[in-house]
PDB file of N, CA and C in Angstrom:
ATOM      1  N   UNK A   1      -9.782 -10.489  -2.347  1.00  0.00           N
ATOM      2  CA  UNK A   1      -9.680 -10.820  -1.351  1.00  0.00           C
ATOM      3  C   UNK A   1     -10.633  -9.922  -1.287  1.00  0.00           C
ATOM      4  N   UNK A   2     -11.774  -9.637   0.212  1.00  0.00           N
ATOM      5  CA  UNK A   2     -12.444  -8.933   0.353  1.00  0.00           C
ATOM      6  C   UNK A   2     -12.430  -8.452   1.907  1.00  0.00           C
ATOM      7  N   UNK A   3     -12.020  -7.475   1.798  1.00  0.00           N
ATOM      8  CA  UNK A   3     -12.218  -6.767   3.397  1.00  0.00           C
ATOM      9  C   UNK A   3     -12.414  -6.398   4.111  1.00  0.00           C
ATOM     10  N   UNK A   4     -13.628  -5.992   4.926  1.00  0.00           N
ATOM     11  CA  UNK A   4     -14.965  -5.085   5.181  1.00  0.00           C
ATOM     12  C   UNK A   4     -15.873  -5.167   4.202  1.00  0.00           C
ATOM     13  N   UNK A   5     -16.247  -5.869   3.027  1.00  0.00           N
ATOM     14  CA  UNK A   5     -17.057  -6.025   2.247  1.00  0.00           C
ATOM     15  C   UNK A   5     -16.602  -5.003   0.943  1.00  0.00           C
ATOM     16  N   UNK A   6     -15.272  -4.760   1.061  1.00  0.00           N
ATOM     17  CA  UNK A   6     -14.745  -3.156  -0.137  1.00  0.00           C
ATOM     18  C   UNK A   6     -13.449  -5.556  -0.849  1.00  0.00           C
ATOM     19  N   UNK A   7     -14.116  -5.445  -1.966  1.00  0.00           N
ATOM     20  CA  UNK A   7     -13.251  -6.313  -3.185  1.00  0.00           C
ATOM     21  C   UNK A   7     -12.346  -5.366  -3.319  1.00  0.00           C
ATOM     22  N   UNK A   8     -10.862  -6.040  -2.901  1.00  0.00           N
ATOM     23  CA  UNK A   8      -8.969  -5.645  -3.409  1.00  0.00           C
ATOM     24  C   UNK A   8      -8.455  -5.853  -3.553  1.00  0.00           C
ATOM     25  N   UNK A   9      -7.703  -5.916  -5.081  1.00  0.00           N
ATOM     26  CA  UNK A   9      -6.576  -6.148  -5.828  1.00  0.00           C
ATOM     27  C   UNK A   9      -5.097  -6.358  -5.092  1.00  0.00           C
ATOM     28  N   UNK A  10      -4.731  -7.024  -5.667  1.00  0.00           N
ATOM     29  CA  UNK A  10      -2.773  -7.306  -5.188  1.00  0.00           C
ATOM     30  C   UNK A  10      -2.312  -6.046  -5.777  1.00  0.00           C
ATOM     31  N   UNK A  11      -1.616  -5.132  -5.591  1.00  0.00           N
ATOM     32  CA  UNK A  11      -0.572  -3.294  -5.614  1.00  0.00           C
ATOM     33  C   UNK A  11       0.524  -3.206  -6.019  1.00  0.00           C
ATOM     34  N   UNK A  12       0.901  -2.886  -6.609  1.00  0.00           N
ATOM     35  CA  UNK A  12       2.600  -2.275  -6.756  1.00  0.00           C
ATOM     36  C   UNK A  12       2.107  -0.665  -5.331  1.00  0.00           C
ATOM     37  N   UNK A  13       2.145  -0.733  -4.259  1.00  0.00           N
ATOM     38  CA  UNK A  13       2.364   0.014  -4.318  1.00  0.00           C
ATOM     39  C   UNK A  13       3.052   1.712  -3.980  1.00  0.00           C
ATOM     40  N   UNK A  14       3.764   1.566  -4.937  1.00  0.00           N
ATOM     41  CA  UNK A  14       4.141   2.247  -5.851  1.00  0.00           C
ATOM     42  C   UNK A  14       3.769   3.125  -6.602  1.00  0.00           C
ATOM     43  N   UNK A  15       2.351   1.930  -7.312  1.00  0.00           N
ATOM     44  CA  UNK A  15       1.843   2.873  -8.793  1.00  0.00           C
ATOM     45  C   UNK A  15       0.088   3.543  -8.501  1.00  0.00           C
ATOM     46  N   UNK A  16       0.195   3.170  -7.145  1.00  0.00           N
ATOM     47  CA  UNK A  16      -0.757   3.981  -6.870  1.00  0.00           C
ATOM     48  C   UNK A  16      -1.132   5.673  -6.565  1.00  0.00           C
ATOM     49  N   UNK A  17      -2.199   5.912  -7.089  1.00  0.00           N
ATOM     50  CA  UNK A  17      -2.094   7.648  -6.288  1.00  0.00           C
ATOM     51  C   UNK A  17      -1.727   7.582  -4.991  1.00  0.00           C
ATOM     52  N   UNK A  18      -1.230   9.634  -5.128  1.00  0.00           N
ATOM     53  CA  UNK A  18      -1.068   9.977  -3.450  1.00  0.00           C
ATOM     54  C   UNK A  18      -2.692  10.005  -2.606  1.00  0.00           C
ATOM     55  N   UNK A  19      -3.031   9.295  -1.347  1.00  0.00           N
ATOM     56  CA  UNK A  19      -3.873  10.294  -0.543  1.00  0.00           C
ATOM     57  C   UNK A  19      -4.785   8.457  -0.794  1.00  0.00           C
ATOM     58  N   UNK A  20      -4.402   7.581  -2.111  1.00  0.00           N
ATOM     59  CA  UNK A  20      -5.342   6.051  -2.266  1.00  0.00           C
ATOM     60  C   UNK A  20      -5.590   5.392  -1.284  1.00  0.00           C
ATOM     61  N   UNK A  21      -6.251   4.527  -0.693  1.00  0.00           N
ATOM     62  CA  UNK A  21      -6.925   3.675   0.846  1.00  0.00           C
ATOM     63  C   UNK A  21      -6.034   2.513   0.027  1.00  0.00           C
ATOM     64  N   UNK A  22      -5.531   2.496   0.316  1.00  0.00           N
ATOM     65  CA  UNK A  22      -4.337   1.208   0.476  1.00  0.00           C
ATOM     66  C   UNK A  22      -4.364  -0.709   2.030  1.00  0.00           C
ATOM     67  N   UNK A  23      -4.989  -1.949   1.484  1.00  0.00           N
ATOM     68  CA  UNK A  23      -4.168  -2.630   2.597  1.00  0.00           C
ATOM     69  C   UNK A  23      -3.547  -3.200   3.165  1.00  0.00           C
ATOM     70  N   UNK A  24      -3.784  -2.993   4.426  1.00  0.00           N
ATOM     71  CA  UNK A  24      -1.840  -3.175   4.535  1.00  0.00           C
ATOM     72  C   UNK A  24      -1.027  -5.119   4.763  1.00  0.00           C
ATOM     73  N   UNK A  25      -1.029  -6.418   4.648  1.00  0.00           N
ATOM     74  CA  UNK A  25      -0.733  -7.329   5.123  1.00  0.00           C
ATOM     75  C   UNK A  25       1.017  -7.842   5.239  1.00  0.00           C
ATOM     76  N   UNK A  26       1.028  -7.772   7.124  1.00  0.00           N
ATOM     77  CA  UNK A  26       2.866  -7.758   6.992  1.00  0.00           C
ATOM     78  C   UNK A  26       2.566  -9.874   6.996  1.00  0.00           C
ATOM     79  N   UNK A  27       3.821  -9.169   6.215  1.00  0.00           N
ATOM     80  CA  UNK A  27       4.476 -11.457   5.876  1.00  0.00           C
ATOM     81  C   UNK A  27       4.446 -11.954   7.338  1.00  0.00           C
ATOM     82  N   UNK A  28       5.095 -10.934   8.420  1.00  0.00           N
ATOM     83  CA  UNK A  28       5.289 -12.808   8.986  1.00  0.00           C
ATOM     84  C   UNK A  28       4.286 -11.714  10.172  1.00  0.00           C
ATOM     85  N   UNK A  29       4.532 -12.910  11.734  1.00  0.00           N
ATOM     86  CA  UNK A  29       3.594 -12.769  12.552  1.00  0.00           C
ATOM     87  C   UNK A  29       4.128 -11.813  13.407  1.00  0.00           C
ATOM     88  N   UNK A  30       3.846 -10.488  13.610  1.00  0.00           N
ATOM     89  CA  UNK A  30       4.593  -9.799  14.125  1.00  0.00           C
ATOM     90  C   UNK A  30       3.521  -8.285  14.993  1.00  0.00           C
ATOM     91  N   UNK A  31       4.059  -7.921  15.616  1.00  0.00           N
ATOM     92  CA  UNK A  31       3.419  -6.842  17.059  1.00  0.00           C
ATOM     93  C   UNK A  31       1.659  -6.348  15.748  1.00  0.00           C
ATOM     94  N   UNK A  32       2.502  -5.648  13.936  1.00  0.00           N
ATOM     95  CA  UNK A  32       0.900  -4.962  13.767  1.00  0.00           C
ATOM     96  C   UNK A  32       0.343  -6.531  13.333  1.00  0.00           C
ATOM     97  N   UNK A  33      -1.451  -6.065  13.384  1.00  0.00           N
ATOM     98  CA  UNK A  33      -1.814  -6.495  12.636  1.00  0.00           C
ATOM     99  C   UNK A  33      -2.743  -6.526  11.246  1.00  0.00           C
ATOM    100  N   UNK A  34      -2.594  -6.398  10.344  1.00  0.00           N
ATOM    101  CA  UNK A  34      -3.486  -6.608   8.684  1.00  0.00           C
ATOM    102  C   UNK A  34      -4.974  -5.278   8.883  1.00  0.00           C
ATOM    103  N   UNK A  35      -4.198  -4.113   8.341  1.00  0.00           N
ATOM    104  CA  UNK A  35      -5.701  -2.508   7.932  1.00  0.00           C
ATOM    105  C   UNK A  35      -5.403  -1.932   7.392  1.00  0.00           C
ATOM    106  N   UNK A  36      -6.391  -0.498   6.536  1.00  0.00           N
ATOM    107  CA  UNK A  36      -6.700  -0.571   6.370  1.00  0.00           C
ATOM    108  C   UNK A  36      -4.936   1.427   6.549  1.00  0.00           C
ATOM    109  N   UNK A  37      -5.292   1.927   5.223  1.00  0.00           N
ATOM    110  CA  UNK A  37      -4.410   2.624   5.391  1.00  0.00           C
ATOM    111  C   UNK A  37      -5.179   4.138   3.977  1.00  0.00           C
ATOM    112  N   UNK A  38      -4.082   4.740   4.044  1.00  0.00           N
ATOM    113  CA  UNK A  38      -3.702   5.876   2.821  1.00  0.00           C
ATOM    114  C   UNK A  38      -1.514   5.954   2.422  1.00  0.00           C
ATOM    115  N   UNK A  39      -1.867   6.126   1.214  1.00  0.00           N
ATOM    116  CA  UNK A  39      -0.741   5.782   0.667  1.00  0.00           C
ATOM    117  C   UNK A  39      -0.390   8.002   0.456  1.00  0.00           C
ATOM    118  N   UNK A  40       0.607   7.787   1.090  1.00  0.00           N
ATOM    119  CA  UNK A  40       1.604   9.260   1.258  1.00  0.00           C
ATOM    120  C   UNK A  40       3.312   9.504   0.249  1.00  0.00           C
ATOM    121  N   UNK A  41       2.467   9.518  -1.684  1.00  0.00           N
ATOM    122  CA  UNK A  41       3.456   9.564  -2.428  1.00  0.00           C
ATOM    123  C   UNK A  41       4.780  10.038  -2.541  1.00  0.00           C
ATOM    124  N   UNK A  42       4.929  11.164  -1.608  1.00  0.00           N
ATOM    125  CA  UNK A  42       5.617  12.196  -1.756  1.00  0.00           C
ATOM    126  C   UNK A  42       7.123  11.658  -0.243  1.00  0.00           C
ATOM    127  N   UNK A  43       6.984  11.149   0.710  1.00  0.00           N
ATOM    128  CA  UNK A  43       7.289  11.155   1.461  1.00  0.00           C
ATOM    129  C   UNK A  43       7.413   9.145   1.780  1.00  0.00           C
ATOM    130  N   UNK A  44       6.830   7.971   0.612  1.00  0.00           N
ATOM    131  CA  UNK A  44       7.068   7.544  -0.125  1.00  0.00           C
ATOM    132  C   UNK A  44       6.789   6.293   1.856  1.00  0.00           C
ATOM    133  N   UNK A  45       6.119   6.773   2.038  1.00  0.00           N
ATOM    134  CA  UNK A  45       4.542   5.398   2.896  1.00  0.00           C
ATOM    135  C   UNK A  45       3.394   5.267   2.993  1.00  0.00           C
ATOM    136  N   UNK A  46       2.745   4.959   4.165  1.00  0.00           N
ATOM    137  CA  UNK A  46       1.014   4.133   3.624  1.00  0.00           C
ATOM    138  C   UNK A  46       1.546   4.796   5.348  1.00  0.00           C
ATOM    139  N   UNK A  47      -0.219   5.613   5.621  1.00  0.00           N
ATOM    140  CA  UNK A  47       0.194   6.057   6.853  1.00  0.00           C
ATOM    141  C   UNK A  47      -1.180   5.017   7.348  1.00  0.00           C
ATOM    142  N   UNK A  48      -1.450   4.251   8.643  1.00  0.00           N
ATOM    143  CA  UNK A  48      -2.374   4.152   8.968  1.00  0.00           C
ATOM    144  C   UNK A  48      -2.755   4.515  10.847  1.00  0.00           C
ATOM    145  N   UNK A  49      -3.831   3.461  11.117  1.00  0.00           N
ATOM    146  CA  UNK A  49      -4.078   4.600  12.520  1.00  0.00           C
ATOM    147  C   UNK A  49      -2.573   4.883  13.640  1.00  0.00           C
ATOM    148  N   UNK A  50      -2.347   4.239  13.971  1.00  0.00           N
ATOM    149  CA  UNK A  50      -1.049   4.365  15.147  1.00  0.00           C
ATOM    150  C   UNK A  50      -0.058   4.698  14.976  1.00  0.00           C
ATOM    151  N   UNK A  51       0.871   3.946  13.123  1.00  0.00           N
ATOM    152  CA  UNK A  51       1.945   4.209  12.464  1.00  0.00           C
ATOM    153  C   UNK A  51       2.243   4.139  10.591  1.00  0.00           C
ATOM    154  N   UNK A  52       3.200   4.908  10.913  1.00  0.00           N
ATOM    155  CA  UNK A  52       2.934   4.650   9.096  1.00  0.00           C
ATOM    156  C   UNK A  52       4.363   3.601   9.289  1.00  0.00           C
ATOM    157  N   UNK A  53       4.367   3.443   7.542  1.00  0.00           N
ATOM    158  CA  UNK A  53       4.881   2.525   7.002  1.00  0.00           C
ATOM    159  C   UNK A  53       5.992   2.978   5.681  1.00  0.00           C
ATOM    160  N   UNK A  54       7.497   2.475   5.909  1.00  0.00           N
ATOM    161  CA  UNK A  54       7.829   2.926   4.358  1.00  0.00           C
ATOM    162  C   UNK A  54       8.046   2.154   3.212  1.00  0.00           C
ATOM    163  N   UNK A  55       7.289   2.354   2.295  1.00  0.00           N
ATOM    164  CA  UNK A  55       7.586   1.284   1.310  1.00  0.00           C
ATOM    165  C   UNK A  55       8.137   0.037   1.815  1.00  0.00           C
ATOM    166  N   UNK A  56       7.786  -0.965   2.069  1.00  0.00           N
ATOM    167  CA  UNK A  56       8.880  -2.169   1.936  1.00  0.00           C
ATOM    168  C   UNK A  56       8.091  -4.195   1.172  1.00  0.00           C
ATOM    169  N   UNK A  57       9.016  -4.061   1.249  1.00  0.00           N
ATOM    170  CA  UNK A  57       9.468  -6.224   0.263  1.00  0.00           C
ATOM    171  C   UNK A  57       8.541  -6.058   0.475  1.00  0.00           C
ATOM    172  N   UNK A  58       8.833  -6.213   2.159  1.00  0.00           N
ATOM    173  CA  UNK A  58       7.768  -7.067   3.579  1.00  0.00           C
ATOM    174  C   UNK A  58       5.756  -8.023   3.892  1.00  0.00           C
ATOM    175  N   UNK A  59       5.962  -6.214   2.684  1.00  0.00           N
ATOM    176  CA  UNK A  59       4.754  -6.383   3.457  1.00  0.00           C
ATOM    177  C   UNK A  59       3.642  -7.222   2.246  1.00  0.00           C
ATOM    178  N   UNK A  60       2.400  -7.642   1.623  1.00  0.00           N
ATOM    179  CA  UNK A  60       1.526  -6.622   0.713  1.00  0.00           C
ATOM    180  C   UNK A  60      -0.019  -5.837   1.183  1.00  0.00           C
ATOM    181  N   UNK A  61       0.468  -5.890  -0.399  1.00  0.00           N
ATOM    182  CA  UNK A  61      -0.476  -4.324  -0.376  1.00  0.00           C
ATOM    183  C   UNK A  61      -1.540  -4.817  -1.615  1.00  0.00           C
ATOM    184  N   UNK A  62      -2.971  -4.361  -0.512  1.00  0.00           N
ATOM    185  CA  UNK A  62      -4.101  -4.246  -2.065  1.00  0.00           C
ATOM    186  C   UNK A  62      -4.588  -3.226  -2.059  1.00  0.00           C
ATOM    187  N   UNK A  63      -5.252  -2.767  -3.201  1.00  0.00           N
ATOM    188  CA  UNK A  63      -5.857  -1.667  -3.619  1.00  0.00           C
ATOM    189  C   UNK A  63      -7.579  -1.926  -3.406  1.00  0.00           C
ATOM    190  N   UNK A  64      -7.652  -0.753  -3.349  1.00  0.00           N
ATOM    191  CA  UNK A  64      -9.476  -1.547  -4.253  1.00  0.00           C
ATOM    192  C   UNK A  64      -9.681  -1.129  -6.251  1.00  0.00           C
ATOM    193  N   UNK A  65      -8.523  -0.933  -6.907  1.00  0.00           N
ATOM    194  CA  UNK A  65      -8.537  -1.702  -8.112  1.00  0.00           C
ATOM    195  C   UNK A  65      -7.295  -1.928  -8.236  1.00  0.00           C
ATOM    196  N   UNK A  66      -7.501  -2.552  -9.263  1.00  0.00           N
ATOM    197  CA  UNK A  66      -6.020  -3.498 -10.090  1.00  0.00           C
ATOM    198  C   UNK A  66      -4.985  -2.774 -10.920  1.00  0.00           C
ATOM    199  N   UNK A  67      -5.273  -1.925 -11.514  1.00  0.00           N
ATOM    200  CA  UNK A  67      -4.708  -0.971 -12.501  1.00  0.00           C
ATOM    201  C   UNK A  67      -3.515  -0.484 -11.189  1.00  0.00           C
ATOM    202  N   UNK A  68      -1.916  -0.328 -12.919  1.00  0.00           N
ATOM    203  CA  UNK A  68      -1.275   0.094 -13.209  1.00  0.00           C
ATOM    204  C   UNK A  68      -0.639   0.822 -13.331  1.00  0.00           C
ATOM    205  N   UNK A  69      -0.302   2.442 -13.311  1.00  0.00           N
ATOM    206  CA  UNK A  69       0.217   2.798 -14.416  1.00  0.00           C
ATOM    207  C   UNK A  69       1.374   3.038 -14.404  1.00  0.00           C
ATOM    208  N   UNK A  70       1.908   2.917 -15.771  1.00  0.00           N
ATOM    209  CA  UNK A  70       3.611   2.097 -16.155  1.00  0.00           C
ATOM    210  C   UNK A  70       5.197   3.417 -16.382  1.00  0.00           C
ATOM    211  N   UNK A  71       3.796   4.084 -16.366  1.00  0.00           N
ATOM    212  CA  UNK A  71       5.012   5.324 -16.509  1.00  0.00           C
ATOM    213  C   UNK A  71       5.048   5.521 -15.172  1.00  0.00           C
ATOM    214  N   UNK A  72       5.152   5.432 -14.218  1.00  0.00           N
ATOM    215  CA  UNK A  72       4.471   5.935 -12.922  1.00  0.00           C
ATOM    216  C   UNK A  72       6.133   5.203 -11.685  1.00  0.00           C
ATOM    217  N   UNK A  73       5.073   3.857 -12.532  1.00  0.00           N
ATOM    218  CA  UNK A  73       6.399   2.590 -12.242  1.00  0.00           C
ATOM    219  C   UNK A  73       7.722   2.944 -12.508  1.00  0.00           C
ATOM    220  N   UNK A  74       7.983   3.369 -13.301  1.00  0.00           N
ATOM    221  CA  UNK A  74       9.345   2.958 -13.622  1.00  0.00           C
ATOM    222  C   UNK A  74      10.186   4.096 -13.189  1.00  0.00           C
ATOM    223  N   UNK A  75       9.179   5.419 -12.299  1.00  0.00           N
ATOM    224  CA  UNK A  75       9.839   5.885 -11.911  1.00  0.00           C
ATOM    225  C   UNK A  75       9.867   5.929 -10.595  1.00  0.00           C
ATOM    226  N   UNK A  76      10.714   5.172  -9.771  1.00  0.00           N
ATOM    227  CA  UNK A  76      10.577   5.652  -8.006  1.00  0.00           C
ATOM    228  C   UNK A  76      12.499   6.972  -6.948  1.00  0.00           C
ATOM    229  N   UNK A  77      12.298   6.948  -6.916  1.00  0.00           N
ATOM    230  CA  UNK A  77      13.454   7.608  -6.333  1.00  0.00           C
ATOM    231  C   UNK A  77      12.997   7.532  -4.446  1.00  0.00           C
ATOM    232  N   UNK A  78      14.901   7.903  -4.363  1.00  0.00           N
ATOM    233  CA  UNK A  78      14.932   7.014  -3.766  1.00  0.00           C
ATOM    234  C   UNK A  78      16.640   8.308  -3.111  1.00  0.00           C
ATOM    235  N   UNK A  79      16.318   8.570  -1.087  1.00  0.00           N
ATOM    236  CA  UNK A  79      16.595   9.675  -1.249  1.00  0.00           C
ATOM    237  C   UNK A  79      17.987   9.121   0.332  1.00  0.00           C
TER     238      UNK A  79
END
């Protein structure tokens, strides 16, 4: 998929590096529109222009690279 001239690939947001750019697409027709943001791994959120959103399964995340560090994927901390 190409967004604003940048090719993006589906990713597991938990695999992305801290502060990595991410494009988020919401699964339902909610009040939020698809948009760019950055990853905050410490808080397990993505930060966007007007809001932050916790990592969740109702959104599709796209990153600039399609690689994923398998070790990071295995370590998910929930509080």
